[in-house]
């Protein structure tokens, strides 16, 4: 990975850590797992979308 891109990723990791009040994560996998857990917790609070069914007209 080019050094400028690596530095950008590291800065983003620090921003995520700060946003969630974490000093750091033990690994990248731990950070991703934490973020997915938060995503699931937040999206589970949303009401479920009801599927709309359309009645079809039949012609004889």
PDB file of N, CA and C in Angstrom:
ATOM      1  N   UNK A   1       0.861  -1.173   0.000  1.00  0.00           N
ATOM      2  CA  UNK A   1       0.000   0.000   0.000  1.00  0.00           C
ATOM      3  C   UNK A   1       0.903   1.230   0.000  1.00  0.00           C
ATOM      4  N   UNK A   2       0.612   2.199  -0.837  1.00  0.00           N
ATOM      5  CA  UNK A   2       1.429   3.412  -0.871  1.00  0.00           C
ATOM      6  C   UNK A   2       1.388   4.128   0.489  1.00  0.00           C
ATOM      7  N   UNK A   3       2.509   4.678   0.916  1.00  0.00           N
ATOM      8  CA  UNK A   3       2.564   5.343   2.232  1.00  0.00           C
ATOM      9  C   UNK A   3       1.477   6.395   2.477  1.00  0.00           C
ATOM     10  N   UNK A   4       1.152   7.256   1.504  1.00  0.00           N
ATOM     11  CA  UNK A   4       0.087   8.235   1.779  1.00  0.00           C
ATOM     12  C   UNK A   4      -1.268   7.572   2.058  1.00  0.00           C
ATOM     13  N   UNK A   5      -1.555   6.486   1.354  1.00  0.00           N
ATOM     14  CA  UNK A   5      -2.809   5.781   1.570  1.00  0.00           C
ATOM     15  C   UNK A   5      -2.809   5.091   2.934  1.00  0.00           C
ATOM     16  N   UNK A   6      -1.690   4.523   3.322  1.00  0.00           N
ATOM     17  CA  UNK A   6      -1.562   3.887   4.628  1.00  0.00           C
ATOM     18  C   UNK A   6      -1.783   4.911   5.747  1.00  0.00           C
ATOM     19  N   UNK A   7      -1.177   6.095   5.603  1.00  0.00           N
ATOM     20  CA  UNK A   7      -1.356   7.142   6.612  1.00  0.00           C
ATOM     21  C   UNK A   7      -2.816   7.571   6.709  1.00  0.00           C
ATOM     22  N   UNK A   8      -3.493   7.630   5.571  1.00  0.00           N
ATOM     23  CA  UNK A   8      -4.902   8.000   5.559  1.00  0.00           C
ATOM     24  C   UNK A   8      -5.739   6.950   6.272  1.00  0.00           C
ATOM     25  N   UNK A   9      -5.459   5.682   6.024  1.00  0.00           N
ATOM     26  CA  UNK A   9      -6.178   4.599   6.715  1.00  0.00           C
ATOM     27  C   UNK A   9      -5.936   4.652   8.221  1.00  0.00           C
ATOM     28  N   UNK A  10      -4.723   4.919   8.614  1.00  0.00           N
ATOM     29  CA  UNK A  10      -4.398   5.006  10.035  1.00  0.00           C
ATOM     30  C   UNK A  10      -5.119   6.177  10.692  1.00  0.00           C
ATOM     31  N   UNK A  11      -5.202   7.305   9.986  1.00  0.00           N
ATOM     32  CA  UNK A  11      -5.923   8.463  10.517  1.00  0.00           C
ATOM     33  C   UNK A  11      -7.412   8.148  10.657  1.00  0.00           C
ATOM     34  N   UNK A  12      -7.967   7.436   9.685  1.00  0.00           N
ATOM     35  CA  UNK A  12      -9.367   7.051   9.752  1.00  0.00           C
ATOM     36  C   UNK A  12      -9.604   6.099  10.926  1.00  0.00           C
ATOM     37  N   UNK A  13      -8.697   5.162  11.145  1.00  0.00           N
ATOM     38  CA  UNK A  13      -8.811   4.249  12.286  1.00  0.00           C
ATOM     39  C   UNK A  13      -8.807   5.023  13.600  1.00  0.00           C
ATOM     40  N   UNK A  14      -7.938   6.018  13.723  1.00  0.00           N
ATOM     41  CA  UNK A  14      -7.889   6.827  14.947  1.00  0.00           C
ATOM     42  C   UNK A  14      -9.193   7.602  15.133  1.00  0.00           C
ATOM     43  N   UNK A  15      -9.746   8.098  14.025  1.00  0.00           N
ATOM     44  CA  UNK A  15     -11.010   8.842  14.098  1.00  0.00           C
ATOM     45  C   UNK A  15     -12.151   7.934  14.548  1.00  0.00           C
ATOM     46  N   UNK A  16     -12.190   6.709  14.032  1.00  0.00           N
ATOM     47  CA  UNK A  16     -13.224   5.748  14.438  1.00  0.00           C
ATOM     48  C   UNK A  16     -13.057   5.418  15.915  1.00  0.00           C
ATOM     49  N   UNK A  17     -11.829   5.161  16.334  1.00  0.00           N
ATOM     50  CA  UNK A  17     -11.568   4.853  17.744  1.00  0.00           C
ATOM     51  C   UNK A  17     -12.057   5.994  18.638  1.00  0.00           C
ATOM     52  N   UNK A  18     -11.755   7.224  18.265  1.00  0.00           N
ATOM     53  CA  UNK A  18     -12.149   8.390  19.057  1.00  0.00           C
ATOM     54  C   UNK A  18     -13.669   8.567  19.055  1.00  0.00           C
ATOM     55  N   UNK A  19     -14.296   8.324  17.917  1.00  0.00           N
ATOM     56  CA  UNK A  19     -15.739   8.497  17.807  1.00  0.00           C
ATOM     57  C   UNK A  19     -16.495   7.548  18.725  1.00  0.00           C
ATOM     58  N   UNK A  20     -15.941   6.366  18.940  1.00  0.00           N
ATOM     59  CA  UNK A  20     -16.608   5.375  19.780  1.00  0.00           C
ATOM     60  C   UNK A  20     -15.986   5.279  21.163  1.00  0.00           C
ATOM     61  N   UNK A  21     -15.108   6.217  21.502  1.00  0.00           N
ATOM     62  CA  UNK A  21     -14.544   6.265  22.841  1.00  0.00           C
ATOM     63  C   UNK A  21     -13.587   5.128  23.156  1.00  0.00           C
ATOM     64  N   UNK A  22     -12.932   4.621  22.147  1.00  0.00           N
ATOM     65  CA  UNK A  22     -11.995   3.522  22.340  1.00  0.00           C
ATOM     66  C   UNK A  22     -10.573   4.052  22.186  1.00  0.00           C
ATOM     67  N   UNK A  23      -9.670   3.541  22.990  1.00  0.00           N
ATOM     68  CA  UNK A  23      -8.261   3.925  22.841  1.00  0.00           C
ATOM     69  C   UNK A  23      -7.701   3.294  21.575  1.00  0.00           C
ATOM     70  N   UNK A  24      -7.959   2.006  21.416  1.00  0.00           N
ATOM     71  CA  UNK A  24      -7.544   1.297  20.213  1.00  0.00           C
ATOM     72  C   UNK A  24      -8.171  -0.087  20.223  1.00  0.00           C
ATOM     73  N   UNK A  25      -8.077  -0.753  19.123  1.00  0.00           N
ATOM     74  CA  UNK A  25      -8.540  -2.126  19.008  1.00  0.00           C
ATOM     75  C   UNK A  25      -7.312  -3.014  18.887  1.00  0.00           C
ATOM     76  N   UNK A  26      -7.431  -4.246  19.326  1.00  0.00           N
ATOM     77  CA  UNK A  26      -6.298  -5.172  19.290  1.00  0.00           C
ATOM     78  C   UNK A  26      -5.918  -5.524  17.852  1.00  0.00           C
ATOM     79  N   UNK A  27      -6.913  -5.499  16.961  1.00  0.00           N
ATOM     80  CA  UNK A  27      -6.646  -5.846  15.565  1.00  0.00           C
ATOM     81  C   UNK A  27      -7.687  -5.179  14.676  1.00  0.00           C
ATOM     82  N   UNK A  28      -7.415  -5.227  13.400  1.00  0.00           N
ATOM     83  CA  UNK A  28      -8.367  -4.697  12.423  1.00  0.00           C
ATOM     84  C   UNK A  28      -9.665  -5.513  12.474  1.00  0.00           C
ATOM     85  N   UNK A  29      -9.536  -6.819  12.680  1.00  0.00           N
ATOM     86  CA  UNK A  29     -10.714  -7.686  12.761  1.00  0.00           C
ATOM     87  C   UNK A  29     -11.592  -7.297  13.952  1.00  0.00           C
ATOM     88  N   UNK A  30     -10.980  -6.944  15.061  1.00  0.00           N
ATOM     89  CA  UNK A  30     -11.745  -6.524  16.237  1.00  0.00           C
ATOM     90  C   UNK A  30     -12.486  -5.224  15.949  1.00  0.00           C
ATOM     91  N   UNK A  31     -11.849  -4.296  15.246  1.00  0.00           N
ATOM     92  CA  UNK A  31     -12.493  -3.018  14.894  1.00  0.00           C
ATOM     93  C   UNK A  31     -13.700  -3.278  13.987  1.00  0.00           C
ATOM     94  N   UNK A  32     -13.519  -4.117  12.983  1.00  0.00           N
ATOM     95  CA  UNK A  32     -14.610  -4.408  12.048  1.00  0.00           C
ATOM     96  C   UNK A  32     -15.752  -5.116  12.773  1.00  0.00           C
ATOM     97  N   UNK A  33     -15.435  -6.070  13.642  1.00  0.00           N
ATOM     98  CA  UNK A  33     -16.469  -6.773  14.399  1.00  0.00           C
ATOM     99  C   UNK A  33     -17.251  -5.790  15.271  1.00  0.00           C
ATOM    100  N   UNK A  34     -16.551  -4.888  15.918  1.00  0.00           N
ATOM    101  CA  UNK A  34     -17.204  -3.875  16.762  1.00  0.00           C
ATOM    102  C   UNK A  34     -18.146  -3.012  15.925  1.00  0.00           C
ATOM    103  N   UNK A  35     -17.685  -2.565  14.754  1.00  0.00           N
ATOM    104  CA  UNK A  35     -18.506  -1.706  13.906  1.00  0.00           C
ATOM    105  C   UNK A  35     -19.744  -2.441  13.398  1.00  0.00           C
ATOM    106  N   UNK A  36     -19.602  -3.712  13.031  1.00  0.00           N
ATOM    107  CA  UNK A  36     -20.766  -4.477  12.580  1.00  0.00           C
ATOM    108  C   UNK A  36     -21.749  -4.710  13.721  1.00  0.00           C
ATOM    109  N   UNK A  37     -21.260  -4.934  14.926  1.00  0.00           N
ATOM    110  CA  UNK A  37     -22.150  -5.087  16.079  1.00  0.00           C
ATOM    111  C   UNK A  37     -22.937  -3.805  16.317  1.00  0.00           C
ATOM    112  N   UNK A  38     -22.262  -2.661  16.214  1.00  0.00           N
ATOM    113  CA  UNK A  38     -22.956  -1.380  16.377  1.00  0.00           C
ATOM    114  C   UNK A  38     -23.999  -1.188  15.278  1.00  0.00           C
ATOM    115  N   UNK A  39     -23.632  -1.527  14.043  1.00  0.00           N
ATOM    116  CA  UNK A  39     -24.558  -1.403  12.918  1.00  0.00           C
ATOM    117  C   UNK A  39     -25.804  -2.255  13.169  1.00  0.00           C
ATOM    118  N   UNK A  40     -25.611  -3.501  13.586  1.00  0.00           N
ATOM    119  CA  UNK A  40     -26.750  -4.378  13.851  1.00  0.00           C
ATOM    120  C   UNK A  40     -27.617  -3.838  14.982  1.00  0.00           C
ATOM    121  N   UNK A  41     -26.998  -3.323  16.031  1.00  0.00           N
ATOM    122  CA  UNK A  41     -27.747  -2.767  17.148  1.00  0.00           C
ATOM    123  C   UNK A  41     -28.583  -1.563  16.707  1.00  0.00           C
ATOM    124  N   UNK A  42     -28.007  -0.722  15.892  1.00  0.00           N
ATOM    125  CA  UNK A  42     -28.729   0.472  15.444  1.00  0.00           C
ATOM    126  C   UNK A  42     -29.825   0.145  14.448  1.00  0.00           C
ATOM    127  N   UNK A  43     -29.554  -0.744  13.516  1.00  0.00           N
ATOM    128  CA  UNK A  43     -30.561  -1.051  12.497  1.00  0.00           C
ATOM    129  C   UNK A  43     -31.674  -1.923  13.044  1.00  0.00           C
ATOM    130  N   UNK A  44     -31.439  -2.641  14.124  1.00  0.00           N
ATOM    131  CA  UNK A  44     -32.502  -3.467  14.696  1.00  0.00           C
ATOM    132  C   UNK A  44     -33.562  -2.600  15.379  1.00  0.00           C
ATOM    133  N   UNK A  45     -33.263  -1.341  15.608  1.00  0.00           N
ATOM    134  CA  UNK A  45     -34.225  -0.427  16.216  1.00  0.00           C
ATOM    135  C   UNK A  45     -35.197   0.140  15.187  1.00  0.00           C
ATOM    136  N   UNK A  46     -34.878  -0.023  13.910  1.00  0.00           N
ATOM    137  CA  UNK A  46     -35.734   0.506  12.861  1.00  0.00           C
ATOM    138  C   UNK A  46     -36.953  -0.394  12.677  1.00  0.00           C
ATOM    139  N   UNK A  47     -38.085   0.196  12.371  1.00  0.00           N
ATOM    140  CA  UNK A  47     -39.262  -0.642  12.122  1.00  0.00           C
ATOM    141  C   UNK A  47     -39.059  -1.447  10.843  1.00  0.00           C
ATOM    142  N   UNK A  48     -39.629  -2.631  10.835  1.00  0.00           N
ATOM    143  CA  UNK A  48     -39.503  -3.474   9.651  1.00  0.00           C
ATOM    144  C   UNK A  48     -40.364  -2.909   8.535  1.00  0.00           C
ATOM    145  N   UNK A  49     -39.836  -2.979   7.340  1.00  0.00           N
ATOM    146  CA  UNK A  49     -40.601  -2.530   6.181  1.00  0.00           C
ATOM    147  C   UNK A  49     -41.626  -3.599   5.845  1.00  0.00           C
ATOM    148  N   UNK A  50     -42.846  -3.175   5.662  1.00  0.00           N
ATOM    149  CA  UNK A  50     -43.898  -4.125   5.313  1.00  0.00           C
ATOM    150  C   UNK A  50     -43.937  -4.273   3.799  1.00  0.00           C
ATOM    151  N   UNK A  51     -43.972  -5.490   3.375  1.00  0.00           N
ATOM    152  CA  UNK A  51     -44.041  -5.748   1.937  1.00  0.00           C
ATOM    153  C   UNK A  51     -45.442  -5.402   1.453  1.00  0.00           C
ATOM    154  N   UNK A  52     -45.486  -4.677   0.363  1.00  0.00           N
ATOM    155  CA  UNK A  52     -46.780  -4.323  -0.206  1.00  0.00           C
ATOM    156  C   UNK A  52     -47.165  -5.397  -1.213  1.00  0.00           C
ATOM    157  N   UNK A  53     -48.354  -5.888  -1.074  1.00  0.00           N
ATOM    158  CA  UNK A  53     -48.820  -6.870  -2.047  1.00  0.00           C
ATOM    159  C   UNK A  53     -49.905  -6.205  -2.890  1.00  0.00           C
ATOM    160  N   UNK A  54     -49.840  -6.491  -4.135  1.00  0.00           N
ATOM    161  CA  UNK A  54     -50.806  -5.936  -5.049  1.00  0.00           C
ATOM    162  C   UNK A  54     -51.775  -7.044  -5.469  1.00  0.00           C
ATOM    163  N   UNK A  55     -53.028  -6.729  -5.401  1.00  0.00           N
ATOM    164  CA  UNK A  55     -54.026  -7.671  -5.874  1.00  0.00           C
ATOM    165  C   UNK A  55     -54.095  -7.567  -7.380  1.00  0.00           C
ATOM    166  N   UNK A  56     -54.022  -8.694  -8.025  1.00  0.00           N
ATOM    167  CA  UNK A  56     -54.111  -8.692  -9.497  1.00  0.00           C
ATOM    168  C   UNK A  56     -55.547  -8.894  -9.923  1.00  0.00           C
ATOM    169  N   UNK A  57     -55.908  -8.122 -10.907  1.00  0.00           N
ATOM    170  CA  UNK A  57     -57.233  -8.300 -11.474  1.00  0.00           C
ATOM    171  C   UNK A  57     -57.153  -9.440 -12.488  1.00  0.00           C
ATOM    172  N   UNK A  58     -58.110 -10.302 -12.410  1.00  0.00           N
ATOM    173  CA  UNK A  58     -58.164 -11.378 -13.400  1.00  0.00           C
ATOM    174  C   UNK A  58     -59.316 -11.106 -14.345  1.00  0.00           C
ATOM    175  N   UNK A  59     -59.082 -11.341 -15.572  1.00  0.00           N
ATOM    176  CA  UNK A  59     -60.141 -11.150 -16.570  1.00  0.00           C
ATOM    177  C   UNK A  59     -60.486 -12.504 -17.153  1.00  0.00           C
ATOM    178  N   UNK A  60     -61.752 -12.719 -17.364  1.00  0.00           N
ATOM    179  CA  UNK A  60     -62.196 -14.013 -17.914  1.00  0.00           C
ATOM    180  C   UNK A  60     -62.696 -13.827 -19.309  1.00  0.00           C
TER     181      UNK A  60
END
